[in-house]
């Protein structure tokens, strides 16, 4: 889903996404250190890579993680 939110930084993206989406998927490995994630309602799934070929190959693992992540949970998914 494209929302026209290009150019927004992670903190702004999280604020906009909360209430509209259940899960925020990112490959930004510094997000948890740069943002205060306490009290967030949105789940955050961090992918270990931003390489599209590897992400596509791990689509089933990503889908499974999205289906099992709890509201407000931060989870890192290691992509082979």
PDB file of N, CA and C in Angstrom:
ATOM      1  N   UNK A   1       0.845  -1.178   0.000  1.00  0.00           N
ATOM      2  CA  UNK A   1       0.000   0.000   0.000  1.00  0.00           C
ATOM      3  C   UNK A   1       0.888   1.237   0.000  1.00  0.00           C
ATOM      4  N   UNK A   2       0.685   2.109  -0.913  1.00  0.00           N
ATOM      5  CA  UNK A   2       1.448   3.357  -0.982  1.00  0.00           C
ATOM      6  C   UNK A   2       0.607   4.478  -0.395  1.00  0.00           C
ATOM      7  N   UNK A   3       1.244   5.244   0.478  1.00  0.00           N
ATOM      8  CA  UNK A   3       0.518   6.305   1.187  1.00  0.00           C
ATOM      9  C   UNK A   3       1.050   7.690   0.870  1.00  0.00           C
ATOM     10  N   UNK A   4       2.094   7.789   0.045  1.00  0.00           N
ATOM     11  CA  UNK A   4       2.673   9.087  -0.240  1.00  0.00           C
ATOM     12  C   UNK A   4       3.449   9.639   0.933  1.00  0.00           C
ATOM     13  N   UNK A   5       4.013   8.747   1.740  1.00  0.00           N
ATOM     14  CA  UNK A   5       4.734   9.178   2.941  1.00  0.00           C
ATOM     15  C   UNK A   5       6.234   9.206   2.724  1.00  0.00           C
ATOM     16  N   UNK A   6       6.690   9.160   1.486  1.00  0.00           N
ATOM     17  CA  UNK A   6       8.120   9.202   1.204  1.00  0.00           C
ATOM     18  C   UNK A   6       8.740  10.469   1.776  1.00  0.00           C
ATOM     19  N   UNK A   7       9.928  10.335   2.321  1.00  0.00           N
ATOM     20  CA  UNK A   7      10.609  11.493   2.886  1.00  0.00           C
ATOM     21  C   UNK A   7      10.389  11.667   4.377  1.00  0.00           C
ATOM     22  N   UNK A   8       9.405  10.980   4.944  1.00  0.00           N
ATOM     23  CA  UNK A   8       9.179  11.066   6.386  1.00  0.00           C
ATOM     24  C   UNK A   8      10.214  10.234   7.115  1.00  0.00           C
ATOM     25  N   UNK A   9      10.681  10.723   8.240  1.00  0.00           N
ATOM     26  CA  UNK A   9      11.626   9.977   9.074  1.00  0.00           C
ATOM     27  C   UNK A   9      10.866   8.944   9.888  1.00  0.00           C
ATOM     28  N   UNK A  10      11.593   7.987  10.497  1.00  0.00           N
ATOM     29  CA  UNK A  10      10.961   6.876  11.198  1.00  0.00           C
ATOM     30  C   UNK A  10       9.986   7.295  12.294  1.00  0.00           C
ATOM     31  N   UNK A  11      10.343   8.277  13.107  1.00  0.00           N
ATOM     32  CA  UNK A  11       9.439   8.713  14.165  1.00  0.00           C
ATOM     33  C   UNK A  11       8.124   9.217  13.609  1.00  0.00           C
ATOM     34  N   UNK A  12       8.182   9.999  12.551  1.00  0.00           N
ATOM     35  CA  UNK A  12       6.983  10.520  11.899  1.00  0.00           C
ATOM     36  C   UNK A  12       6.193   9.392  11.244  1.00  0.00           C
ATOM     37  N   UNK A  13       6.919   8.455  10.619  1.00  0.00           N
ATOM     38  CA  UNK A  13       6.258   7.313   9.985  1.00  0.00           C
ATOM     39  C   UNK A  13       5.501   6.478  11.014  1.00  0.00           C
ATOM     40  N   UNK A  14       6.126   6.222  12.158  1.00  0.00           N
ATOM     41  CA  UNK A  14       5.466   5.442  13.209  1.00  0.00           C
ATOM     42  C   UNK A  14       4.201   6.132  13.697  1.00  0.00           C
ATOM     43  N   UNK A  15       4.275   7.437  13.906  1.00  0.00           N
ATOM     44  CA  UNK A  15       3.088   8.183  14.353  1.00  0.00           C
ATOM     45  C   UNK A  15       1.966   8.103  13.334  1.00  0.00           C
ATOM     46  N   UNK A  16       2.297   8.238  12.064  1.00  0.00           N
ATOM     47  CA  UNK A  16       1.289   8.176  11.002  1.00  0.00           C
ATOM     48  C   UNK A  16       0.722   6.766  10.842  1.00  0.00           C
ATOM     49  N   UNK A  17       1.586   5.760  10.995  1.00  0.00           N
ATOM     50  CA  UNK A  17       1.168   4.373  10.782  1.00  0.00           C
ATOM     51  C   UNK A  17       0.300   3.842  11.922  1.00  0.00           C
ATOM     52  N   UNK A  18       0.572   4.317  13.143  1.00  0.00           N
ATOM     53  CA  UNK A  18      -0.209   3.829  14.277  1.00  0.00           C
ATOM     54  C   UNK A  18      -1.675   4.199  14.101  1.00  0.00           C
ATOM     55  N   UNK A  19      -2.537   3.242  14.292  1.00  0.00           N
ATOM     56  CA  UNK A  19      -3.964   3.466  14.108  1.00  0.00           C
ATOM     57  C   UNK A  19      -4.448   3.154  12.699  1.00  0.00           C
ATOM     58  N   UNK A  20      -3.517   3.133  11.749  1.00  0.00           N
ATOM     59  CA  UNK A  20      -3.882   2.819  10.363  1.00  0.00           C
ATOM     60  C   UNK A  20      -3.424   1.419   9.973  1.00  0.00           C
ATOM     61  N   UNK A  21      -2.326   0.964  10.594  1.00  0.00           N
ATOM     62  CA  UNK A  21      -1.750  -0.334  10.289  1.00  0.00           C
ATOM     63  C   UNK A  21      -1.505  -1.098  11.577  1.00  0.00           C
ATOM     64  N   UNK A  22      -1.436  -2.406  11.476  1.00  0.00           N
ATOM     65  CA  UNK A  22      -1.160  -3.240  12.643  1.00  0.00           C
ATOM     66  C   UNK A  22       0.325  -3.510  12.807  1.00  0.00           C
ATOM     67  N   UNK A  23       1.077  -3.485  11.699  1.00  0.00           N
ATOM     68  CA  UNK A  23       2.486  -3.841  11.752  1.00  0.00           C
ATOM     69  C   UNK A  23       3.303  -2.909  10.856  1.00  0.00           C
ATOM     70  N   UNK A  24       4.429  -2.462  11.386  1.00  0.00           N
ATOM     71  CA  UNK A  24       5.378  -1.619  10.668  1.00  0.00           C
ATOM     72  C   UNK A  24       6.581  -2.496  10.355  1.00  0.00           C
ATOM     73  N   UNK A  25       6.879  -2.705   9.078  1.00  0.00           N
ATOM     74  CA  UNK A  25       8.000  -3.548   8.672  1.00  0.00           C
ATOM     75  C   UNK A  25       9.116  -2.648   8.168  1.00  0.00           C
ATOM     76  N   UNK A  26      10.311  -2.858   8.720  1.00  0.00           N
ATOM     77  CA  UNK A  26      11.445  -2.015   8.366  1.00  0.00           C
ATOM     78  C   UNK A  26      12.717  -2.844   8.271  1.00  0.00           C
ATOM     79  N   UNK A  27      13.683  -2.342   7.541  1.00  0.00           N
ATOM     80  CA  UNK A  27      15.011  -2.948   7.541  1.00  0.00           C
ATOM     81  C   UNK A  27      16.005  -2.009   8.218  1.00  0.00           C
ATOM     82  N   UNK A  28      15.500  -0.955   8.839  1.00  0.00           N
ATOM     83  CA  UNK A  28      16.344  -0.012   9.577  1.00  0.00           C
ATOM     84  C   UNK A  28      16.788  -0.674  10.873  1.00  0.00           C
ATOM     85  N   UNK A  29      18.049  -1.056  10.950  1.00  0.00           N
ATOM     86  CA  UNK A  29      18.552  -1.798  12.091  1.00  0.00           C
ATOM     87  C   UNK A  29      18.857  -0.909  13.284  1.00  0.00           C
ATOM     88  N   UNK A  30      18.687   0.390  13.139  1.00  0.00           N
ATOM     89  CA  UNK A  30      18.924   1.316  14.247  1.00  0.00           C
ATOM     90  C   UNK A  30      17.634   1.860  14.836  1.00  0.00           C
ATOM     91  N   UNK A  31      16.499   1.492  14.275  1.00  0.00           N
ATOM     92  CA  UNK A  31      15.219   2.044  14.715  1.00  0.00           C
ATOM     93  C   UNK A  31      15.023   1.909  16.224  1.00  0.00           C
ATOM     94  N   UNK A  32      15.285   0.729  16.765  1.00  0.00           N
ATOM     95  CA  UNK A  32      15.041   0.499  18.195  1.00  0.00           C
ATOM     96  C   UNK A  32      15.946   1.350  19.072  1.00  0.00           C
ATOM     97  N   UNK A  33      17.080   1.822  18.540  1.00  0.00           N
ATOM     98  CA  UNK A  33      17.985   2.669  19.307  1.00  0.00           C
ATOM     99  C   UNK A  33      17.673   4.155  19.119  1.00  0.00           C
ATOM    100  N   UNK A  34      17.028   4.493  18.011  1.00  0.00           N
ATOM    101  CA  UNK A  34      16.767   5.892  17.682  1.00  0.00           C
ATOM    102  C   UNK A  34      15.394   6.369  18.137  1.00  0.00           C
ATOM    103  N   UNK A  35      14.473   5.442  18.368  1.00  0.00           N
ATOM    104  CA  UNK A  35      13.093   5.805  18.704  1.00  0.00           C
ATOM    105  C   UNK A  35      12.701   5.215  20.050  1.00  0.00           C
ATOM    106  N   UNK A  36      11.882   5.935  20.782  1.00  0.00           N
ATOM    107  CA  UNK A  36      11.302   5.389  22.006  1.00  0.00           C
ATOM    108  C   UNK A  36      10.096   4.549  21.570  1.00  0.00           C
ATOM    109  N   UNK A  37      10.207   3.241  21.741  1.00  0.00           N
ATOM    110  CA  UNK A  37       9.169   2.337  21.261  1.00  0.00           C
ATOM    111  C   UNK A  37       8.220   1.888  22.356  1.00  0.00           C
ATOM    112  N   UNK A  38       8.443   2.342  23.579  1.00  0.00           N
ATOM    113  CA  UNK A  38       7.552   1.976  24.688  1.00  0.00           C
ATOM    114  C   UNK A  38       6.166   2.563  24.467  1.00  0.00           C
ATOM    115  N   UNK A  39       5.179   1.754  24.770  1.00  0.00           N
ATOM    116  CA  UNK A  39       3.804   2.221  24.685  1.00  0.00           C
ATOM    117  C   UNK A  39       3.234   2.276  23.285  1.00  0.00           C
ATOM    118  N   UNK A  40       3.980   1.806  22.317  1.00  0.00           N
ATOM    119  CA  UNK A  40       3.467   1.796  20.945  1.00  0.00           C
ATOM    120  C   UNK A  40       2.426   0.704  20.793  1.00  0.00           C
ATOM    121  N   UNK A  41       1.366   1.003  20.087  1.00  0.00           N
ATOM    122  CA  UNK A  41       0.335   0.003  19.813  1.00  0.00           C
ATOM    123  C   UNK A  41       0.688  -0.812  18.575  1.00  0.00           C
ATOM    124  N   UNK A  42       1.467  -0.216  17.691  1.00  0.00           N
ATOM    125  CA  UNK A  42       1.810  -0.879  16.433  1.00  0.00           C
ATOM    126  C   UNK A  42       2.949  -1.874  16.656  1.00  0.00           C
ATOM    127  N   UNK A  43       2.852  -3.020  16.024  1.00  0.00           N
ATOM    128  CA  UNK A  43       3.935  -4.003  16.042  1.00  0.00           C
ATOM    129  C   UNK A  43       5.011  -3.541  15.074  1.00  0.00           C
ATOM    130  N   UNK A  44       6.262  -3.871  15.406  1.00  0.00           N
ATOM    131  CA  UNK A  44       7.370  -3.499  14.526  1.00  0.00           C
ATOM    132  C   UNK A  44       8.165  -4.753  14.218  1.00  0.00           C
ATOM    133  N   UNK A  45       8.302  -5.048  12.938  1.00  0.00           N
ATOM    134  CA  UNK A  45       9.073  -6.190  12.479  1.00  0.00           C
ATOM    135  C   UNK A  45      10.301  -5.661  11.747  1.00  0.00           C
ATOM    136  N   UNK A  46      11.470  -5.937  12.314  1.00  0.00           N
ATOM    137  CA  UNK A  46      12.731  -5.509  11.702  1.00  0.00           C
ATOM    138  C   UNK A  46      13.300  -6.655  10.878  1.00  0.00           C
ATOM    139  N   UNK A  47      13.526  -6.409   9.608  1.00  0.00           N
ATOM    140  CA  UNK A  47      14.149  -7.396   8.732  1.00  0.00           C
ATOM    141  C   UNK A  47      15.663  -7.195   8.773  1.00  0.00           C
ATOM    142  N   UNK A  48      16.410  -8.284   8.746  1.00  0.00           N
ATOM    143  CA  UNK A  48      17.863  -8.207   8.878  1.00  0.00           C
ATOM    144  C   UNK A  48      18.564  -7.729   7.606  1.00  0.00           C
ATOM    145  N   UNK A  49      17.821  -7.554   6.545  1.00  0.00           N
ATOM    146  CA  UNK A  49      18.403  -7.116   5.281  1.00  0.00           C
ATOM    147  C   UNK A  49      17.439  -6.209   4.531  1.00  0.00           C
ATOM    148  N   UNK A  50      17.984  -5.421   3.629  1.00  0.00           N
ATOM    149  CA  UNK A  50      17.133  -4.635   2.727  1.00  0.00           C
ATOM    150  C   UNK A  50      17.307  -5.113   1.284  1.00  0.00           C
ATOM    151  N   UNK A  51      17.952  -6.262   1.111  1.00  0.00           N
ATOM    152  CA  UNK A  51      18.161  -6.833  -0.220  1.00  0.00           C
ATOM    153  C   UNK A  51      16.858  -7.474  -0.701  1.00  0.00           C
ATOM    154  N   UNK A  52      16.289  -6.897  -1.747  1.00  0.00           N
ATOM    155  CA  UNK A  52      14.965  -7.311  -2.223  1.00  0.00           C
ATOM    156  C   UNK A  52      14.911  -8.785  -2.601  1.00  0.00           C
ATOM    157  N   UNK A  53      15.955  -9.303  -3.214  1.00  0.00           N
ATOM    158  CA  UNK A  53      15.983 -10.717  -3.614  1.00  0.00           C
ATOM    159  C   UNK A  53      15.848 -11.622  -2.386  1.00  0.00           C
ATOM    160  N   UNK A  54      16.554 -11.299  -1.321  1.00  0.00           N
ATOM    161  CA  UNK A  54      16.484 -12.105  -0.099  1.00  0.00           C
ATOM    162  C   UNK A  54      15.138 -11.940   0.596  1.00  0.00           C
ATOM    163  N   UNK A  55      14.586 -10.738   0.565  1.00  0.00           N
ATOM    164  CA  UNK A  55      13.275 -10.496   1.179  1.00  0.00           C
ATOM    165  C   UNK A  55      12.203 -11.295   0.449  1.00  0.00           C
ATOM    166  N   UNK A  56      12.224 -11.270  -0.876  1.00  0.00           N
ATOM    167  CA  UNK A  56      11.255 -12.051  -1.662  1.00  0.00           C
ATOM    168  C   UNK A  56      11.364 -13.530  -1.355  1.00  0.00           C
ATOM    169  N   UNK A  57      12.594 -14.024  -1.235  1.00  0.00           N
ATOM    170  CA  UNK A  57      12.806 -15.447  -0.961  1.00  0.00           C
ATOM    171  C   UNK A  57      12.295 -15.836   0.433  1.00  0.00           C
ATOM    172  N   UNK A  58      12.224 -14.870   1.332  1.00  0.00           N
ATOM    173  CA  UNK A  58      11.787 -15.131   2.706  1.00  0.00           C
ATOM    174  C   UNK A  58      10.331 -14.730   2.937  1.00  0.00           C
ATOM    175  N   UNK A  59       9.573 -14.582   1.869  1.00  0.00           N
ATOM    176  CA  UNK A  59       8.190 -14.098   1.985  1.00  0.00           C
ATOM    177  C   UNK A  59       7.351 -14.931   2.948  1.00  0.00           C
ATOM    178  N   UNK A  60       7.502 -16.245   2.932  1.00  0.00           N
ATOM    179  CA  UNK A  60       6.722 -17.091   3.848  1.00  0.00           C
ATOM    180  C   UNK A  60       7.099 -16.834   5.300  1.00  0.00           C
ATOM    181  N   UNK A  61       8.394 -16.658   5.568  1.00  0.00           N
ATOM    182  CA  UNK A  61       8.843 -16.367   6.937  1.00  0.00           C
ATOM    183  C   UNK A  61       8.325 -15.007   7.401  1.00  0.00           C
ATOM    184  N   UNK A  62       8.344 -14.036   6.512  1.00  0.00           N
ATOM    185  CA  UNK A  62       7.851 -12.699   6.851  1.00  0.00           C
ATOM    186  C   UNK A  62       6.352 -12.755   7.123  1.00  0.00           C
ATOM    187  N   UNK A  63       5.619 -13.435   6.264  1.00  0.00           N
ATOM    188  CA  UNK A  63       4.169 -13.587   6.444  1.00  0.00           C
ATOM    189  C   UNK A  63       3.862 -14.250   7.786  1.00  0.00           C
ATOM    190  N   UNK A  64       4.593 -15.281   8.130  1.00  0.00           N
ATOM    191  CA  UNK A  64       4.397 -15.978   9.402  1.00  0.00           C
ATOM    192  C   UNK A  64       4.676 -15.049  10.586  1.00  0.00           C
ATOM    193  N   UNK A  65       5.744 -14.272  10.489  1.00  0.00           N
ATOM    194  CA  UNK A  65       6.083 -13.330  11.560  1.00  0.00           C
ATOM    195  C   UNK A  65       4.988 -12.278  11.729  1.00  0.00           C
ATOM    196  N   UNK A  66       4.486 -11.749  10.624  1.00  0.00           N
ATOM    197  CA  UNK A  66       3.420 -10.744  10.674  1.00  0.00           C
ATOM    198  C   UNK A  66       2.152 -11.335  11.297  1.00  0.00           C
ATOM    199  N   UNK A  67       1.861 -12.587  10.976  1.00  0.00           N
ATOM    200  CA  UNK A  67       0.650 -13.226  11.503  1.00  0.00           C
ATOM    201  C   UNK A  67       0.746 -13.593  12.975  1.00  0.00           C
ATOM    202  N   UNK A  68       1.954 -13.647  13.531  1.00  0.00           N
ATOM    203  CA  UNK A  68       2.106 -14.063  14.928  1.00  0.00           C
ATOM    204  C   UNK A  68       2.627 -12.970  15.855  1.00  0.00           C
ATOM    205  N   UNK A  69       3.023 -11.838  15.321  1.00  0.00           N
ATOM    206  CA  UNK A  69       3.555 -10.766  16.157  1.00  0.00           C
ATOM    207  C   UNK A  69       2.421 -10.131  16.973  1.00  0.00           C
ATOM    208  N   UNK A  70       2.702  -9.829  18.210  1.00  0.00           N
ATOM    209  CA  UNK A  70       1.692  -9.253  19.107  1.00  0.00           C
ATOM    210  C   UNK A  70       1.652  -7.731  18.958  1.00  0.00           C
ATOM    211  N   UNK A  71       0.519  -7.111  19.228  1.00  0.00           N
ATOM    212  CA  UNK A  71       0.439  -5.645  19.193  1.00  0.00           C
ATOM    213  C   UNK A  71       1.492  -5.034  20.119  1.00  0.00           C
ATOM    214  N   UNK A  72       2.215  -4.061  19.607  1.00  0.00           N
ATOM    215  CA  UNK A  72       3.233  -3.382  20.388  1.00  0.00           C
ATOM    216  C   UNK A  72       4.557  -4.120  20.496  1.00  0.00           C
ATOM    217  N   UNK A  73       4.634  -5.324  19.937  1.00  0.00           N
ATOM    218  CA  UNK A  73       5.869  -6.109  20.022  1.00  0.00           C
ATOM    219  C   UNK A  73       6.891  -5.636  18.987  1.00  0.00           C
ATOM    220  N   UNK A  74       8.160  -5.666  19.384  1.00  0.00           N
ATOM    221  CA  UNK A  74       9.269  -5.409  18.466  1.00  0.00           C
ATOM    222  C   UNK A  74       9.957  -6.736  18.236  1.00  0.00           C
ATOM    223  N   UNK A  75      10.074  -7.146  16.985  1.00  0.00           N
ATOM    224  CA  UNK A  75      10.689  -8.439  16.676  1.00  0.00           C
ATOM    225  C   UNK A  75      11.660  -8.265  15.513  1.00  0.00           C
ATOM    226  N   UNK A  76      12.826  -8.899  15.634  1.00  0.00           N
ATOM    227  CA  UNK A  76      13.804  -8.917  14.547  1.00  0.00           C
ATOM    228  C   UNK A  76      13.691 -10.271  13.850  1.00  0.00           C
ATOM    229  N   UNK A  77      13.637 -10.244  12.528  1.00  0.00           N
ATOM    230  CA  UNK A  77      13.572 -11.464  11.739  1.00  0.00           C
ATOM    231  C   UNK A  77      14.862 -11.595  10.945  1.00  0.00           C
ATOM    232  N   UNK A  78      15.599 -12.647  11.244  1.00  0.00           N
ATOM    233  CA  UNK A  78      16.850 -12.915  10.526  1.00  0.00           C
ATOM    234  C   UNK A  78      16.493 -13.552   9.177  1.00  0.00           C
ATOM    235  N   UNK A  79      16.905 -12.894   8.108  1.00  0.00           N
ATOM    236  CA  UNK A  79      16.621 -13.360   6.751  1.00  0.00           C
ATOM    237  C   UNK A  79      17.897 -14.016   6.211  1.00  0.00           C
ATOM    238  N   UNK A  80      17.818 -15.283   5.826  1.00  0.00           N
ATOM    239  CA  UNK A  80      19.031 -15.964   5.324  1.00  0.00           C
ATOM    240  C   UNK A  80      19.527 -15.379   4.001  1.00  0.00           C
TER     241      UNK A  80
END
